[in-house]
Amino acid sequence: QVQLVESGGGGVQAGGSLRLSCAASGSIFSISTMGWYRQNPGKQRELVATITSGGSTNYADSVKGRFTISRDNAKNTVYLQMNSLRPEDTAVYYCNAKVGWNRINYWGQGTQVTVSS
């Protein structure tokens, strides 16, 4: 079992920045890829960014050049630095961890990010 706790969401004006954090606990030795996804009401959850245990990253095209994902393995924490935020970035952001050989998904509770124009 893995528990994920997110923090750092909130409201910001367009062009501003926010930093999300996600702390993992439990069977953390079995975590491989971690990442951030986002979702708006009535829409599918979409990938924002992922990072492997080795540090390889992947980003959605819509956030490339604006968002940076990083990982502190010593603290079992993954971060999402979000710069140049746009109103369309407004969503609930979820932390994700893939665990074990069969990459079972674990999710955090979500944190709201609201960007006003």
C-alpha atoms as a PDB file:
ATOM      1  CA  GLN A   1       0.000   0.000   0.000  1.00  0.00           C
ATOM      2  CA  VAL A   2       1.103   3.520  -0.828  1.00  0.00           C
ATOM      3  CA  GLN A   3      -0.389   6.742   0.497  1.00  0.00           C
ATOM      4  CA  LEU A   4      -0.023  10.014  -1.391  1.00  0.00           C
ATOM      5  CA  VAL A   5      -0.696  13.415   0.159  1.00  0.00           C
ATOM      6  CA  GLU A   6      -0.728  16.508  -2.045  1.00  0.00           C
ATOM      7  CA  SER A   7      -0.286  20.123  -1.040  1.00  0.00           C
ATOM      8  CA  GLY A   8       0.308  23.498  -2.649  1.00  0.00           C
ATOM      9  CA  GLY A   9      -2.826  24.131  -4.661  1.00  0.00           C
ATOM     10  CA  GLY A  10      -4.762  27.373  -4.569  1.00  0.00           C
ATOM     11  CA  GLY A  11      -5.738  30.401  -6.579  1.00  0.00           C
ATOM     12  CA  VAL A  12      -3.462  32.542  -8.709  1.00  0.00           C
ATOM     13  CA  GLN A  13      -3.789  35.087 -11.483  1.00  0.00           C
ATOM     14  CA  ALA A  14      -2.828  34.268 -15.028  1.00  0.00           C
ATOM     15  CA  GLY A  15       0.910  34.446 -15.491  1.00  0.00           C
ATOM     16  CA  GLY A  16       1.573  33.470 -11.898  1.00  0.00           C
ATOM     17  CA  SER A  17       3.220  30.406 -10.407  1.00  0.00           C
ATOM     18  CA  LEU A  18       2.365  27.608  -8.020  1.00  0.00           C
ATOM     19  CA  ARG A  19       4.299  24.626  -6.708  1.00  0.00           C
ATOM     20  CA  LEU A  20       2.556  21.376  -5.917  1.00  0.00           C
ATOM     21  CA  SER A  21       4.063  18.739  -3.639  1.00  0.00           C
ATOM     22  CA  CYS A  22       3.151  15.093  -3.168  1.00  0.00           C
ATOM     23  CA  ALA A  23       4.577  13.087  -0.291  1.00  0.00           C
ATOM     24  CA  ALA A  24       4.503   9.309  -0.510  1.00  0.00           C
ATOM     25  CA  SER A  25       4.448   6.913   2.412  1.00  0.00           C
ATOM     26  CA  GLY A  26       3.946   3.189   2.903  1.00  0.00           C
ATOM     27  CA  SER A  27       5.541   0.707   0.504  1.00  0.00           C
ATOM     28  CA  ILE A  28       7.609   3.397  -1.150  1.00  0.00           C
ATOM     29  CA  PHE A  29      10.381   1.013  -2.169  1.00  0.00           C
ATOM     30  CA  SER A  30       8.052  -0.408  -4.792  1.00  0.00           C
ATOM     31  CA  ILE A  31       7.204   2.927  -6.452  1.00  0.00           C
ATOM     32  CA  SER A  32       8.489   3.354  -9.991  1.00  0.00           C
ATOM     33  CA  THR A  33       6.984   6.223 -11.974  1.00  0.00           C
ATOM     34  CA  MET A  34       5.304   9.156 -10.245  1.00  0.00           C
ATOM     35  CA  GLY A  35       3.349  11.894 -11.887  1.00  0.00           C
ATOM     36  CA  TRP A  36       0.663  14.530 -11.937  1.00  0.00           C
ATOM     37  CA  TYR A  37      -2.690  14.375 -13.697  1.00  0.00           C
ATOM     38  CA  ARG A  38      -5.531  16.878 -13.781  1.00  0.00           C
ATOM     39  CA  GLN A  39      -9.259  16.751 -14.225  1.00  0.00           C
ATOM     40  CA  ASN A  40     -12.169  19.129 -14.692  1.00  0.00           C
ATOM     41  CA  PRO A  41     -15.822  18.240 -14.075  1.00  0.00           C
ATOM     42  CA  GLY A  42     -17.273  16.145 -16.882  1.00  0.00           C
ATOM     43  CA  LYS A  43     -13.894  15.591 -18.490  1.00  0.00           C
ATOM     44  CA  GLN A  44     -11.402  12.745 -18.472  1.00  0.00           C
ATOM     45  CA  ARG A  45      -8.402  12.863 -16.219  1.00  0.00           C
ATOM     46  CA  GLU A  46      -5.393  13.869 -18.313  1.00  0.00           C
ATOM     47  CA  LEU A  47      -1.672  13.446 -17.911  1.00  0.00           C
ATOM     48  CA  VAL A  48       0.298  16.553 -16.981  1.00  0.00           C
ATOM     49  CA  ALA A  49       3.780  15.185 -16.301  1.00  0.00           C
ATOM     50  CA  THR A  50       5.542  12.028 -15.140  1.00  0.00           C
ATOM     51  CA  ILE A  51       8.977  11.188 -13.799  1.00  0.00           C
ATOM     52  CA  THR A  52      10.608   7.794 -13.448  1.00  0.00           C
ATOM     53  CA  SER A  53      12.722   6.638 -10.532  1.00  0.00           C
ATOM     54  CA  GLY A  54      15.739   7.346 -12.714  1.00  0.00           C
ATOM     55  CA  GLY A  55      14.631  10.906 -13.400  1.00  0.00           C
ATOM     56  CA  SER A  56      13.315  10.628 -16.951  1.00  0.00           C
ATOM     57  CA  THR A  57      10.457  13.040 -17.523  1.00  0.00           C
ATOM     58  CA  ASN A  58       7.463  13.277 -19.825  1.00  0.00           C
ATOM     59  CA  TYR A  59       5.130  16.258 -20.280  1.00  0.00           C
ATOM     60  CA  ALA A  60       1.827  16.980 -21.934  1.00  0.00           C
ATOM     61  CA  ASP A  61       2.330  19.278 -24.909  1.00  0.00           C
ATOM     62  CA  SER A  62       0.117  21.913 -23.285  1.00  0.00           C
ATOM     63  CA  VAL A  63       2.499  22.380 -20.340  1.00  0.00           C
ATOM     64  CA  LYS A  64       5.906  21.916 -21.967  1.00  0.00           C
ATOM     65  CA  GLY A  65       8.189  24.847 -21.226  1.00  0.00           C
ATOM     66  CA  ARG A  66       5.946  26.081 -18.388  1.00  0.00           C
ATOM     67  CA  PHE A  67       5.782  23.189 -15.900  1.00  0.00           C
ATOM     68  CA  THR A  68       8.655  21.245 -14.362  1.00  0.00           C
ATOM     69  CA  ILE A  69       8.325  17.944 -12.534  1.00  0.00           C
ATOM     70  CA  SER A  70      11.005  16.865 -10.094  1.00  0.00           C
ATOM     71  CA  ARG A  71      11.492  14.153  -7.528  1.00  0.00           C
ATOM     72  CA  ASP A  72      13.360  13.928  -4.244  1.00  0.00           C
ATOM     73  CA  ASN A  73      13.809  10.221  -3.622  1.00  0.00           C
ATOM     74  CA  ALA A  74      15.304  10.839  -0.173  1.00  0.00           C
ATOM     75  CA  LYS A  75      12.110  12.633   0.878  1.00  0.00           C
ATOM     76  CA  ASN A  76       9.796  10.384  -1.157  1.00  0.00           C
ATOM     77  CA  THR A  77       8.291  13.518  -2.627  1.00  0.00           C
ATOM     78  CA  VAL A  78       7.446  14.640  -6.141  1.00  0.00           C
ATOM     79  CA  TYR A  79       6.984  18.283  -7.087  1.00  0.00           C
ATOM     80  CA  LEU A  80       5.298  20.156  -9.899  1.00  0.00           C
ATOM     81  CA  GLN A  81       6.535  23.701 -10.470  1.00  0.00           C
ATOM     82  CA  MET A  82       3.943  25.520 -12.551  1.00  0.00           C
ATOM     83  CA  ASN A  83       4.916  28.828 -14.157  1.00  0.00           C
ATOM     84  CA  SER A  84       3.143  31.119 -16.605  1.00  0.00           C
ATOM     85  CA  LEU A  85      -0.182  29.679 -15.512  1.00  0.00           C
ATOM     86  CA  ARG A  86      -3.190  30.080 -17.765  1.00  0.00           C
ATOM     87  CA  PRO A  87      -6.920  29.937 -17.012  1.00  0.00           C
ATOM     88  CA  GLU A  88      -7.084  26.649 -18.924  1.00  0.00           C
ATOM     89  CA  ASP A  89      -4.732  25.127 -16.331  1.00  0.00           C
ATOM     90  CA  THR A  90      -7.564  25.345 -13.813  1.00  0.00           C
ATOM     91  CA  ALA A  91      -8.369  21.832 -12.587  1.00  0.00           C
ATOM     92  CA  VAL A  92      -8.059  19.421  -9.713  1.00  0.00           C
ATOM     93  CA  TYR A  93      -4.530  18.072  -9.793  1.00  0.00           C
ATOM     94  CA  TYR A  94      -3.898  14.500  -8.695  1.00  0.00           C
ATOM     95  CA  CYS A  95      -0.636  12.872  -7.721  1.00  0.00           C
ATOM     96  CA  ASN A  96      -0.080   9.381  -9.095  1.00  0.00           C
ATOM     97  CA  ALA A  97       2.324   6.582  -8.253  1.00  0.00           C
ATOM     98  CA  LYS A  98       2.806   3.364 -10.159  1.00  0.00           C
ATOM     99  CA  VAL A  99       3.693   0.551  -7.783  1.00  0.00           C
ATOM    100  CA  GLY A 100       5.160  -2.877  -8.266  1.00  0.00           C
ATOM    101  CA  TRP A 101       5.972  -4.998 -11.280  1.00  0.00           C
ATOM    102  CA  ASN A 102       2.395  -4.683 -12.528  1.00  0.00           C
ATOM    103  CA  ARG A 103       2.362  -0.900 -12.082  1.00  0.00           C
ATOM    104  CA  ILE A 104      -0.740  -0.594  -9.944  1.00  0.00           C
ATOM    105  CA  ASN A 105      -1.992   2.980  -9.809  1.00  0.00           C
ATOM    106  CA  TYR A 106      -2.285   4.852  -6.549  1.00  0.00           C
ATOM    107  CA  TRP A 107      -3.819   8.329  -6.373  1.00  0.00           C
ATOM    108  CA  GLY A 108      -3.752  11.242  -3.997  1.00  0.00           C
ATOM    109  CA  GLN A 109      -6.892  13.038  -2.883  1.00  0.00           C
ATOM    110  CA  GLY A 110      -6.422  15.900  -5.336  1.00  0.00           C
ATOM    111  CA  THR A 111      -5.686  19.583  -4.904  1.00  0.00           C
ATOM    112  CA  GLN A 112      -7.555  22.409  -6.617  1.00  0.00           C
ATOM    113  CA  VAL A 113      -5.670  24.857  -8.826  1.00  0.00           C
ATOM    114  CA  THR A 114      -7.628  27.889 -10.013  1.00  0.00           C
ATOM    115  CA  VAL A 115      -6.131  30.402 -12.438  1.00  0.00           C
ATOM    116  CA  SER A 116      -8.070  33.610 -12.949  1.00  0.00           C
ATOM    117  CA  SER A 117      -7.742  35.877 -15.969  1.00  0.00           C
END
